[in-house]
Amino acid sequence: MTTDKQTLLQDLQRRLTELMRSSPAPDIERNLKALLGQTFDRLELVTRDEFDGYVELLGSLRARVAKLEQAIDALERPADAAARDQS
């Protein structure tokens, strides 16, 4: 009885191994990964780290623009006041 079970299990193992070798699953997986990789490249996606870096850069640039706008306003005020006085 034990020999029959062992033979059965060995036969099952052999058949499953053959099935996995002849299965198109690895080819499909490889092709799908390649297709997804190409699609992601075309979409020009960025990693989360890159995105976080861009968010930080954008925040600092917004702060810089706000300071520059304040400086421009401060420089324009005396010129506007002088122009009104001459009118």
Protein backbone atom coordinates (compact mmCIF):
# COMPACT_ATOMS: atom_id res chain seq x y z
CA MET A 1 0.00 0.00 0.00
CA THR A 2 2.80 2.41 0.86
CA THR A 3 4.50 1.70 -2.44
CA ASP A 4 1.30 2.46 -4.32
CA LYS A 5 0.96 5.79 -2.51
CA GLN A 6 4.58 6.65 -3.15
CA THR A 7 4.26 5.70 -6.79
CA LEU A 8 1.10 7.73 -7.08
CA LEU A 9 2.73 10.77 -5.47
CA GLN A 10 5.84 10.42 -7.64
CA ASP A 11 3.69 10.13 -10.74
CA LEU A 12 1.66 13.17 -9.69
CA GLN A 13 4.83 15.14 -9.04
CA ARG A 14 6.27 14.15 -12.42
CA ARG A 15 3.08 15.13 -14.23
CA LEU A 16 2.86 18.48 -12.44
CA THR A 17 6.49 19.21 -13.26
CA GLU A 18 5.88 18.40 -16.93
CA LEU A 19 2.76 20.52 -16.93
CA MET A 20 4.60 23.49 -15.45
CA ARG A 21 7.38 23.11 -18.02
CA SER A 22 4.96 23.01 -20.92
CA SER A 23 2.67 25.71 -19.51
CA PRO A 24 2.66 29.08 -21.26
CA ALA A 25 2.34 30.83 -17.87
CA PRO A 26 6.03 31.90 -17.64
CA ASP A 27 5.91 33.30 -21.19
CA ILE A 28 2.66 35.12 -20.48
CA GLU A 29 4.08 36.55 -17.26
CA ARG A 30 7.28 37.70 -18.98
CA ASN A 31 5.32 39.27 -21.87
CA LEU A 32 2.90 40.96 -19.50
CA LYS A 33 5.75 42.44 -17.45
CA ALA A 34 7.38 43.76 -20.63
CA LEU A 35 4.09 45.24 -21.83
CA LEU A 36 3.44 46.93 -18.49
CA GLY A 37 6.99 48.26 -18.38
CA GLN A 38 6.65 49.78 -21.84
CA THR A 39 3.28 51.29 -20.96
CA PHE A 40 4.63 52.83 -17.76
CA ASP A 41 7.61 54.24 -19.66
CA ARG A 42 5.27 55.88 -22.16
CA LEU A 43 3.22 57.39 -19.36
CA GLU A 44 6.39 59.00 -17.96
CA LEU A 45 5.51 58.00 -14.41
CA VAL A 46 7.75 59.02 -11.53
CA THR A 47 8.53 57.22 -8.32
CA ARG A 48 7.02 58.33 -5.03
CA ASP A 49 10.41 59.69 -3.95
CA GLU A 50 10.68 61.79 -7.12
CA PHE A 51 7.12 63.03 -6.64
CA ASP A 52 7.80 64.02 -3.03
CA GLY A 53 10.94 65.85 -4.17
CA TYR A 54 8.96 67.78 -6.78
CA VAL A 55 6.32 68.68 -4.19
CA GLU A 56 9.02 70.01 -1.87
CA LEU A 57 10.64 71.95 -4.71
CA LEU A 58 7.29 73.40 -5.75
CA GLY A 59 6.62 74.53 -2.18
CA SER A 60 9.96 76.31 -1.93
CA LEU A 61 9.46 77.92 -5.36
CA ARG A 62 6.02 79.18 -4.34
CA ALA A 63 7.52 80.74 -1.22
CA ARG A 64 10.25 82.34 -3.31
CA VAL A 65 7.73 83.74 -5.81
CA ALA A 66 5.67 85.19 -2.94
CA LYS A 67 8.78 86.96 -1.55
CA LEU A 68 9.66 88.29 -5.00
CA GLU A 69 6.11 89.59 -5.48
CA GLN A 70 6.33 91.39 -2.14
CA ALA A 71 9.68 92.91 -3.14
CA ILE A 72 8.24 94.07 -6.46
CA ASP A 73 5.23 95.59 -4.70
CA ALA A 74 7.54 97.40 -2.29
CA LEU A 75 9.56 98.79 -5.19
CA GLU A 76 6.46 99.82 -7.17
CA ARG A 77 4.75 101.68 -4.30
CA PRO A 78 7.18 104.65 -4.23
CA ALA A 79 7.10 104.89 -8.03
CA ASP A 80 3.27 104.86 -8.02
CA ALA A 81 3.16 107.48 -5.27
CA ALA A 82 5.62 109.72 -7.16
CA ALA A 83 3.57 109.39 -10.36
CA ARG A 84 0.38 110.41 -8.47
CA ASP A 85 2.12 113.39 -6.93
CA GLN A 86 3.20 114.68 -10.34
CA SER A 87 -0.32 114.42 -11.76
